[in-house]
PDB file of N, CA and C in Angstrom:
ATOM      1  N   UNK A   1     -10.047  13.495   1.002  1.00  0.00           N
ATOM      2  CA  UNK A   1      -8.785  13.049   1.433  1.00  0.00           C
ATOM      3  C   UNK A   1      -8.934  12.031   2.248  1.00  0.00           C
ATOM      4  N   UNK A   2      -7.690  10.760   2.267  1.00  0.00           N
ATOM      5  CA  UNK A   2      -7.742   9.846   3.050  1.00  0.00           C
ATOM      6  C   UNK A   2      -6.927  10.550   4.023  1.00  0.00           C
ATOM      7  N   UNK A   3      -7.714  10.027   5.487  1.00  0.00           N
ATOM      8  CA  UNK A   3      -6.703   9.784   6.876  1.00  0.00           C
ATOM      9  C   UNK A   3      -6.273   8.844   7.538  1.00  0.00           C
ATOM     10  N   UNK A   4      -4.576   9.788   7.901  1.00  0.00           N
ATOM     11  CA  UNK A   4      -3.674   9.136   8.231  1.00  0.00           C
ATOM     12  C   UNK A   4      -3.374   9.417   9.104  1.00  0.00           C
ATOM     13  N   UNK A   5      -2.222   9.001  10.405  1.00  0.00           N
ATOM     14  CA  UNK A   5      -1.626   9.169  11.053  1.00  0.00           C
ATOM     15  C   UNK A   5      -0.408   8.014  11.432  1.00  0.00           C
ATOM     16  N   UNK A   6       0.699   8.917  11.948  1.00  0.00           N
ATOM     17  CA  UNK A   6       2.156   8.564  12.223  1.00  0.00           C
ATOM     18  C   UNK A   6       1.907   7.230  12.455  1.00  0.00           C
ATOM     19  N   UNK A   7       0.545   6.351  13.008  1.00  0.00           N
ATOM     20  CA  UNK A   7       0.052   4.806  13.432  1.00  0.00           C
ATOM     21  C   UNK A   7      -0.586   4.407  13.345  1.00  0.00           C
ATOM     22  N   UNK A   8      -0.519   4.612  11.442  1.00  0.00           N
ATOM     23  CA  UNK A   8      -1.633   3.553  10.549  1.00  0.00           C
ATOM     24  C   UNK A   8      -1.297   2.297  10.548  1.00  0.00           C
ATOM     25  N   UNK A   9      -2.394   1.506  10.397  1.00  0.00           N
ATOM     26  CA  UNK A   9      -2.081  -0.051  11.052  1.00  0.00           C
ATOM     27  C   UNK A   9      -3.181  -0.714   9.542  1.00  0.00           C
ATOM     28  N   UNK A  10      -2.838  -1.398   8.922  1.00  0.00           N
ATOM     29  CA  UNK A  10      -4.062  -1.843   8.446  1.00  0.00           C
ATOM     30  C   UNK A  10      -3.771  -3.009   8.071  1.00  0.00           C
ATOM     31  N   UNK A  11      -4.602  -4.416   7.773  1.00  0.00           N
ATOM     32  CA  UNK A  11      -4.406  -5.749   8.094  1.00  0.00           C
ATOM     33  C   UNK A  11      -5.192  -6.338   6.824  1.00  0.00           C
ATOM     34  N   UNK A  12      -4.218  -6.833   5.347  1.00  0.00           N
ATOM     35  CA  UNK A  12      -5.053  -7.303   4.108  1.00  0.00           C
ATOM     36  C   UNK A  12      -5.144  -8.716   4.444  1.00  0.00           C
ATOM     37  N   UNK A  13      -6.051  -9.459   3.605  1.00  0.00           N
ATOM     38  CA  UNK A  13      -5.817 -11.242   3.731  1.00  0.00           C
ATOM     39  C   UNK A  13      -5.074 -11.162   1.921  1.00  0.00           C
ATOM     40  N   UNK A  14      -3.590 -12.407   1.565  1.00  0.00           N
ATOM     41  CA  UNK A  14      -3.358 -12.303   1.194  1.00  0.00           C
ATOM     42  C   UNK A  14      -3.704 -13.686   0.148  1.00  0.00           C
ATOM     43  N   UNK A  15      -3.430 -13.381  -1.446  1.00  0.00           N
ATOM     44  CA  UNK A  15      -4.214 -14.907  -2.156  1.00  0.00           C
ATOM     45  C   UNK A  15      -4.192 -15.917  -1.825  1.00  0.00           C
ATOM     46  N   UNK A  16      -3.598 -16.140  -0.246  1.00  0.00           N
ATOM     47  CA  UNK A  16      -3.500 -17.855   0.227  1.00  0.00           C
ATOM     48  C   UNK A  16      -4.283 -17.575   1.326  1.00  0.00           C
ATOM     49  N   UNK A  17      -5.022 -16.129   1.531  1.00  0.00           N
ATOM     50  CA  UNK A  17      -5.918 -16.481   2.840  1.00  0.00           C
ATOM     51  C   UNK A  17      -5.980 -15.475   4.390  1.00  0.00           C
ATOM     52  N   UNK A  18      -3.782 -16.295   4.089  1.00  0.00           N
ATOM     53  CA  UNK A  18      -3.657 -15.266   5.313  1.00  0.00           C
ATOM     54  C   UNK A  18      -3.369 -13.563   5.340  1.00  0.00           C
ATOM     55  N   UNK A  19      -3.581 -13.644   7.105  1.00  0.00           N
ATOM     56  CA  UNK A  19      -3.844 -12.084   7.018  1.00  0.00           C
ATOM     57  C   UNK A  19      -2.743 -11.633   7.861  1.00  0.00           C
ATOM     58  N   UNK A  20      -1.854  -9.901   6.749  1.00  0.00           N
ATOM     59  CA  UNK A  20      -0.752  -9.456   6.965  1.00  0.00           C
ATOM     60  C   UNK A  20      -0.659  -8.347   7.752  1.00  0.00           C
ATOM     61  N   UNK A  21       0.035  -7.348   8.253  1.00  0.00           N
ATOM     62  CA  UNK A  21      -0.251  -6.662   8.661  1.00  0.00           C
ATOM     63  C   UNK A  21       1.117  -5.676   7.908  1.00  0.00           C
ATOM     64  N   UNK A  22       0.271  -4.081   7.933  1.00  0.00           N
ATOM     65  CA  UNK A  22       0.625  -2.960   7.577  1.00  0.00           C
ATOM     66  C   UNK A  22       1.043  -2.295   7.653  1.00  0.00           C
ATOM     67  N   UNK A  23       2.342  -1.378   7.870  1.00  0.00           N
ATOM     68  CA  UNK A  23       1.761  -0.295   8.033  1.00  0.00           C
ATOM     69  C   UNK A  23       1.968   1.162   7.369  1.00  0.00           C
ATOM     70  N   UNK A  24       0.549   1.681   7.723  1.00  0.00           N
ATOM     71  CA  UNK A  24       0.491   2.797   6.352  1.00  0.00           C
ATOM     72  C   UNK A  24       0.864   3.725   5.985  1.00  0.00           C
ATOM     73  N   UNK A  25       1.995   4.081   5.123  1.00  0.00           N
ATOM     74  CA  UNK A  25       3.131   5.082   5.309  1.00  0.00           C
ATOM     75  C   UNK A  25       2.463   6.499   4.343  1.00  0.00           C
ATOM     76  N   UNK A  26       1.798   6.423   3.828  1.00  0.00           N
ATOM     77  CA  UNK A  26       1.516   7.612   3.242  1.00  0.00           C
ATOM     78  C   UNK A  26       0.458   7.064   2.214  1.00  0.00           C
ATOM     79  N   UNK A  27      -0.630   8.161   1.614  1.00  0.00           N
ATOM     80  CA  UNK A  27      -1.728   7.807   1.017  1.00  0.00           C
ATOM     81  C   UNK A  27      -1.035   9.267  -0.043  1.00  0.00           C
ATOM     82  N   UNK A  28      -1.146   8.741  -1.753  1.00  0.00           N
ATOM     83  CA  UNK A  28      -0.271   9.395  -2.257  1.00  0.00           C
ATOM     84  C   UNK A  28      -0.584   9.710  -3.954  1.00  0.00           C
ATOM     85  N   UNK A  29      -0.843  10.624  -4.510  1.00  0.00           N
ATOM     86  CA  UNK A  29      -1.564  10.583  -5.911  1.00  0.00           C
ATOM     87  C   UNK A  29      -0.577  10.742  -6.989  1.00  0.00           C
ATOM     88  N   UNK A  30      -0.954  10.193  -7.689  1.00  0.00           N
ATOM     89  CA  UNK A  30      -0.105   9.997  -8.780  1.00  0.00           C
ATOM     90  C   UNK A  30      -1.043   9.832 -10.073  1.00  0.00           C
ATOM     91  N   UNK A  31      -1.039  10.810 -11.140  1.00  0.00           N
ATOM     92  CA  UNK A  31      -1.288  10.512 -12.299  1.00  0.00           C
ATOM     93  C   UNK A  31      -3.250  10.605 -12.370  1.00  0.00           C
ATOM     94  N   UNK A  32      -3.458  11.293 -11.097  1.00  0.00           N
ATOM     95  CA  UNK A  32      -5.030  11.765 -10.993  1.00  0.00           C
ATOM     96  C   UNK A  32      -5.532  10.295  -9.665  1.00  0.00           C
ATOM     97  N   UNK A  33      -4.487   9.442  -9.385  1.00  0.00           N
ATOM     98  CA  UNK A  33      -5.242   8.356  -8.672  1.00  0.00           C
ATOM     99  C   UNK A  33      -4.849   7.952  -7.557  1.00  0.00           C
ATOM    100  N   UNK A  34      -5.049   7.707  -6.010  1.00  0.00           N
ATOM    101  CA  UNK A  34      -4.602   7.517  -5.101  1.00  0.00           C
ATOM    102  C   UNK A  34      -4.160   5.985  -4.872  1.00  0.00           C
ATOM    103  N   UNK A  35      -2.903   5.735  -4.127  1.00  0.00           N
ATOM    104  CA  UNK A  35      -2.394   4.852  -3.925  1.00  0.00           C
ATOM    105  C   UNK A  35      -1.386   4.642  -2.596  1.00  0.00           C
ATOM    106  N   UNK A  36      -1.949   3.817  -1.849  1.00  0.00           N
ATOM    107  CA  UNK A  36      -1.053   3.358  -0.414  1.00  0.00           C
ATOM    108  C   UNK A  36       0.208   3.371  -0.194  1.00  0.00           C
ATOM    109  N   UNK A  37       1.134   3.683   0.201  1.00  0.00           N
ATOM    110  CA  UNK A  37       1.720   2.964   0.554  1.00  0.00           C
ATOM    111  C   UNK A  37       2.369   2.425   1.290  1.00  0.00           C
ATOM    112  N   UNK A  38       2.452   1.181   1.451  1.00  0.00           N
ATOM    113  CA  UNK A  38       2.661   0.109   3.211  1.00  0.00           C
ATOM    114  C   UNK A  38       3.720  -0.494   2.934  1.00  0.00           C
ATOM    115  N   UNK A  39       4.172  -1.072   3.895  1.00  0.00           N
ATOM    116  CA  UNK A  39       5.085  -1.280   4.555  1.00  0.00           C
ATOM    117  C   UNK A  39       4.634  -2.929   5.732  1.00  0.00           C
ATOM    118  N   UNK A  40       5.311  -3.559   5.402  1.00  0.00           N
ATOM    119  CA  UNK A  40       4.478  -5.477   6.185  1.00  0.00           C
ATOM    120  C   UNK A  40       5.781  -4.794   7.410  1.00  0.00           C
ATOM    121  N   UNK A  41       4.664  -5.221   8.474  1.00  0.00           N
ATOM    122  CA  UNK A  41       5.168  -5.447   9.593  1.00  0.00           C
ATOM    123  C   UNK A  41       6.393  -6.616   9.776  1.00  0.00           C
ATOM    124  N   UNK A  42       5.956  -7.484   9.417  1.00  0.00           N
ATOM    125  CA  UNK A  42       7.087  -8.997   9.083  1.00  0.00           C
ATOM    126  C   UNK A  42       6.604  -9.439   8.043  1.00  0.00           C
ATOM    127  N   UNK A  43       7.707 -10.115   7.402  1.00  0.00           N
ATOM    128  CA  UNK A  43       7.523 -11.040   6.021  1.00  0.00           C
ATOM    129  C   UNK A  43       7.392 -12.679   6.526  1.00  0.00           C
ATOM    130  N   UNK A  44       7.357 -13.774   5.766  1.00  0.00           N
ATOM    131  CA  UNK A  44       6.558 -15.003   5.628  1.00  0.00           C
ATOM    132  C   UNK A  44       7.447 -15.710   6.958  1.00  0.00           C
ATOM    133  N   UNK A  45       8.890 -15.117   6.981  1.00  0.00           N
ATOM    134  CA  UNK A  45       9.457 -16.327   7.800  1.00  0.00           C
ATOM    135  C   UNK A  45       8.775 -14.828   9.786  1.00  0.00           C
ATOM    136  N   UNK A  46       8.169 -13.885  10.136  1.00  0.00           N
ATOM    137  CA  UNK A  46       7.830 -13.440  10.792  1.00  0.00           C
ATOM    138  C   UNK A  46       8.313 -12.259  11.318  1.00  0.00           C
ATOM    139  N   UNK A  47      10.015 -12.016  10.986  1.00  0.00           N
ATOM    140  CA  UNK A  47      10.540 -11.067  10.904  1.00  0.00           C
ATOM    141  C   UNK A  47      10.382  -9.697   9.754  1.00  0.00           C
ATOM    142  N   UNK A  48      10.970  -8.899  10.429  1.00  0.00           N
ATOM    143  CA  UNK A  48      10.434  -7.402   9.666  1.00  0.00           C
ATOM    144  C   UNK A  48      11.437  -7.436   8.693  1.00  0.00           C
ATOM    145  N   UNK A  49      11.124  -6.506   7.874  1.00  0.00           N
ATOM    146  CA  UNK A  49      11.741  -6.406   6.683  1.00  0.00           C
ATOM    147  C   UNK A  49      10.973  -4.663   6.370  1.00  0.00           C
ATOM    148  N   UNK A  50      11.744  -3.778   7.087  1.00  0.00           N
ATOM    149  CA  UNK A  50      11.858  -2.608   6.638  1.00  0.00           C
ATOM    150  C   UNK A  50      12.218  -1.729   5.002  1.00  0.00           C
ATOM    151  N   UNK A  51      12.707  -2.916   4.584  1.00  0.00           N
ATOM    152  CA  UNK A  51      12.850  -2.905   2.764  1.00  0.00           C
ATOM    153  C   UNK A  51      12.558  -2.438   2.037  1.00  0.00           C
ATOM    154  N   UNK A  52      11.276  -3.341   1.991  1.00  0.00           N
ATOM    155  CA  UNK A  52      10.455  -3.514   1.309  1.00  0.00           C
ATOM    156  C   UNK A  52       8.591  -3.043   1.024  1.00  0.00           C
ATOM    157  N   UNK A  53       8.325  -2.014   0.404  1.00  0.00           N
ATOM    158  CA  UNK A  53       7.274  -1.343   0.434  1.00  0.00           C
ATOM    159  C   UNK A  53       6.431  -1.678  -0.811  1.00  0.00           C
ATOM    160  N   UNK A  54       5.177  -2.153  -0.572  1.00  0.00           N
ATOM    161  CA  UNK A  54       4.369  -1.694  -1.293  1.00  0.00           C
ATOM    162  C   UNK A  54       3.225  -0.825  -1.126  1.00  0.00           C
ATOM    163  N   UNK A  55       2.212  -1.121  -2.865  1.00  0.00           N
ATOM    164  CA  UNK A  55       1.831  -0.269  -3.993  1.00  0.00           C
ATOM    165  C   UNK A  55       0.953  -0.545  -3.784  1.00  0.00           C
ATOM    166  N   UNK A  56      -0.362   0.123  -2.830  1.00  0.00           N
ATOM    167  CA  UNK A  56      -2.579  -0.120  -4.400  1.00  0.00           C
ATOM    168  C   UNK A  56      -2.860   0.695  -4.073  1.00  0.00           C
ATOM    169  N   UNK A  57      -3.237   0.672  -5.530  1.00  0.00           N
ATOM    170  CA  UNK A  57      -4.519   1.788  -5.692  1.00  0.00           C
ATOM    171  C   UNK A  57      -5.532   1.487  -4.772  1.00  0.00           C
ATOM    172  N   UNK A  58      -6.166   2.777  -3.927  1.00  0.00           N
ATOM    173  CA  UNK A  58      -6.775   2.646  -3.223  1.00  0.00           C
ATOM    174  C   UNK A  58      -8.365   3.982  -4.128  1.00  0.00           C
ATOM    175  N   UNK A  59      -9.139   3.305  -3.990  1.00  0.00           N
ATOM    176  CA  UNK A  59     -10.846   4.076  -4.676  1.00  0.00           C
ATOM    177  C   UNK A  59     -11.686   3.971  -3.214  1.00  0.00           C
ATOM    178  N   UNK A  60     -12.709   4.858  -3.259  1.00  0.00           N
ATOM    179  CA  UNK A  60     -13.718   4.956  -2.437  1.00  0.00           C
ATOM    180  C   UNK A  60     -14.820   4.343  -3.451  1.00  0.00           C
ATOM    181  N   UNK A  61     -15.429   4.222  -2.794  1.00  0.00           N
ATOM    182  CA  UNK A  61     -17.482   3.909  -3.508  1.00  0.00           C
ATOM    183  C   UNK A  61     -18.161   3.945  -3.301  1.00  0.00           C
ATOM    184  N   UNK A  62     -19.346   3.758  -3.123  1.00  0.00           N
ATOM    185  CA  UNK A  62     -20.598   4.133  -2.110  1.00  0.00           C
ATOM    186  C   UNK A  62     -20.070   2.210  -1.840  1.00  0.00           C
ATOM    187  N   UNK A  63     -19.900   1.769  -2.019  1.00  0.00           N
ATOM    188  CA  UNK A  63     -19.712   0.385  -1.260  1.00  0.00           C
ATOM    189  C   UNK A  63     -18.767   0.394   0.023  1.00  0.00           C
ATOM    190  N   UNK A  64     -17.622   0.827   0.374  1.00  0.00           N
ATOM    191  CA  UNK A  64     -16.359   1.339   0.488  1.00  0.00           C
ATOM    192  C   UNK A  64     -15.185   1.730  -0.043  1.00  0.00           C
ATOM    193  N   UNK A  65     -14.100   1.419   0.605  1.00  0.00           N
ATOM    194  CA  UNK A  65     -12.708   1.603   0.231  1.00  0.00           C
ATOM    195  C   UNK A  65     -12.311   0.239  -0.874  1.00  0.00           C
ATOM    196  N   UNK A  66     -11.633   0.766  -1.714  1.00  0.00           N
ATOM    197  CA  UNK A  66     -11.467  -0.957  -2.358  1.00  0.00           C
ATOM    198  C   UNK A  66     -10.147  -0.789  -2.801  1.00  0.00           C
ATOM    199  N   UNK A  67      -8.512  -1.450  -2.382  1.00  0.00           N
ATOM    200  CA  UNK A  67      -7.176  -1.469  -2.527  1.00  0.00           C
ATOM    201  C   UNK A  67      -7.263  -3.096  -4.020  1.00  0.00           C
ATOM    202  N   UNK A  68      -6.786  -2.110  -4.364  1.00  0.00           N
ATOM    203  CA  UNK A  68      -6.251  -3.208  -5.845  1.00  0.00           C
ATOM    204  C   UNK A  68      -4.663  -2.641  -5.898  1.00  0.00           C
ATOM    205  N   UNK A  69      -3.848  -4.170  -6.476  1.00  0.00           N
ATOM    206  CA  UNK A  69      -2.524  -4.279  -6.877  1.00  0.00           C
ATOM    207  C   UNK A  69      -2.017  -3.679  -8.586  1.00  0.00           C
ATOM    208  N   UNK A  70      -0.898  -3.148  -8.256  1.00  0.00           N
ATOM    209  CA  UNK A  70      -0.615  -2.535  -9.593  1.00  0.00           C
ATOM    210  C   UNK A  70      -0.107  -3.336 -10.045  1.00  0.00           C
ATOM    211  N   UNK A  71      -0.187  -4.148 -11.035  1.00  0.00           N
ATOM    212  CA  UNK A  71      -0.194  -4.841 -11.939  1.00  0.00           C
ATOM    213  C   UNK A  71       0.842  -4.654 -13.267  1.00  0.00           C
ATOM    214  N   UNK A  72       0.586  -3.343 -13.757  1.00  0.00           N
ATOM    215  CA  UNK A  72       1.963  -3.363 -14.731  1.00  0.00           C
ATOM    216  C   UNK A  72       2.863  -2.782 -13.842  1.00  0.00           C
ATOM    217  N   UNK A  73       4.072  -3.525 -14.191  1.00  0.00           N
ATOM    218  CA  UNK A  73       5.616  -3.211 -14.244  1.00  0.00           C
ATOM    219  C   UNK A  73       5.723  -1.990 -13.973  1.00  0.00           C
ATOM    220  N   UNK A  74       5.921  -1.161 -14.927  1.00  0.00           N
ATOM    221  CA  UNK A  74       5.749   0.612 -15.852  1.00  0.00           C
ATOM    222  C   UNK A  74       5.611   1.303 -14.320  1.00  0.00           C
ATOM    223  N   UNK A  75       3.926   1.321 -14.391  1.00  0.00           N
ATOM    224  CA  UNK A  75       3.553   1.929 -13.563  1.00  0.00           C
ATOM    225  C   UNK A  75       3.972   1.717 -11.797  1.00  0.00           C
ATOM    226  N   UNK A  76       4.301   0.619 -11.480  1.00  0.00           N
ATOM    227  CA  UNK A  76       4.549   0.563 -10.344  1.00  0.00           C
ATOM    228  C   UNK A  76       6.012   0.936 -10.151  1.00  0.00           C
ATOM    229  N   UNK A  77       6.827   1.307 -11.028  1.00  0.00           N
ATOM    230  CA  UNK A  77       8.043   1.510 -10.898  1.00  0.00           C
ATOM    231  C   UNK A  77       8.163   2.729 -10.580  1.00  0.00           C
ATOM    232  N   UNK A  78       7.483   3.327 -11.763  1.00  0.00           N
ATOM    233  CA  UNK A  78       7.059   5.751 -11.708  1.00  0.00           C
ATOM    234  C   UNK A  78       6.150   5.335 -10.636  1.00  0.00           C
ATOM    235  N   UNK A  79       5.260   4.748 -10.007  1.00  0.00           N
ATOM    236  CA  UNK A  79       5.049   4.966  -8.405  1.00  0.00           C
ATOM    237  C   UNK A  79       5.774   5.199  -7.208  1.00  0.00           C
ATOM    238  N   UNK A  80       6.764   4.026  -7.577  1.00  0.00           N
ATOM    239  CA  UNK A  80       7.680   3.914  -6.447  1.00  0.00           C
ATOM    240  C   UNK A  80       9.182   4.851  -6.495  1.00  0.00           C
ATOM    241  N   UNK A  81       9.357   5.003  -7.677  1.00  0.00           N
ATOM    242  CA  UNK A  81      10.065   6.737  -8.017  1.00  0.00           C
ATOM    243  C   UNK A  81      10.305   8.066  -7.967  1.00  0.00           C
ATOM    244  N   UNK A  82       8.769   8.285  -7.828  1.00  0.00           N
ATOM    245  CA  UNK A  82       7.522   9.606  -7.399  1.00  0.00           C
ATOM    246  C   UNK A  82       7.377   9.412  -6.098  1.00  0.00           C
ATOM    247  N   UNK A  83       7.217   8.318  -5.478  1.00  0.00           N
ATOM    248  CA  UNK A  83       6.937   8.281  -4.004  1.00  0.00           C
ATOM    249  C   UNK A  83       8.612   8.557  -3.360  1.00  0.00           C
ATOM    250  N   UNK A  84       9.883   7.858  -3.721  1.00  0.00           N
ATOM    251  CA  UNK A  84      11.279   8.291  -3.651  1.00  0.00           C
ATOM    252  C   UNK A  84      11.444  10.030  -3.335  1.00  0.00           C
ATOM    253  N   UNK A  85      10.856  10.295  -4.221  1.00  0.00           N
ATOM    254  CA  UNK A  85      11.145  11.894  -4.726  1.00  0.00           C
ATOM    255  C   UNK A  85      10.479  13.145  -4.061  1.00  0.00           C
ATOM    256  N   UNK A  86       9.258  12.318  -3.004  1.00  0.00           N
ATOM    257  CA  UNK A  86       9.019  13.154  -2.334  1.00  0.00           C
ATOM    258  C   UNK A  86       9.452  13.211  -0.886  1.00  0.00           C
TER     259      UNK A  86
END
């Protein structure tokens, strides 16, 4: 089980080495895998963008938690649709 509350924040590093802050909205299970639902606290211009959500696959291993991007567009859309129905 993932521990999140209404004030859960996470900082991730993007492909350019920049740190980006997110609000962790939920961790949902879709077809046997866990996905984090993230909302960026600001976009590249430093402005809030409440419309954009990100979904990352979340896994727990002996070494710690691993987050990975969803590369398959159809899977990403299915996850987003399932989240909207929640």
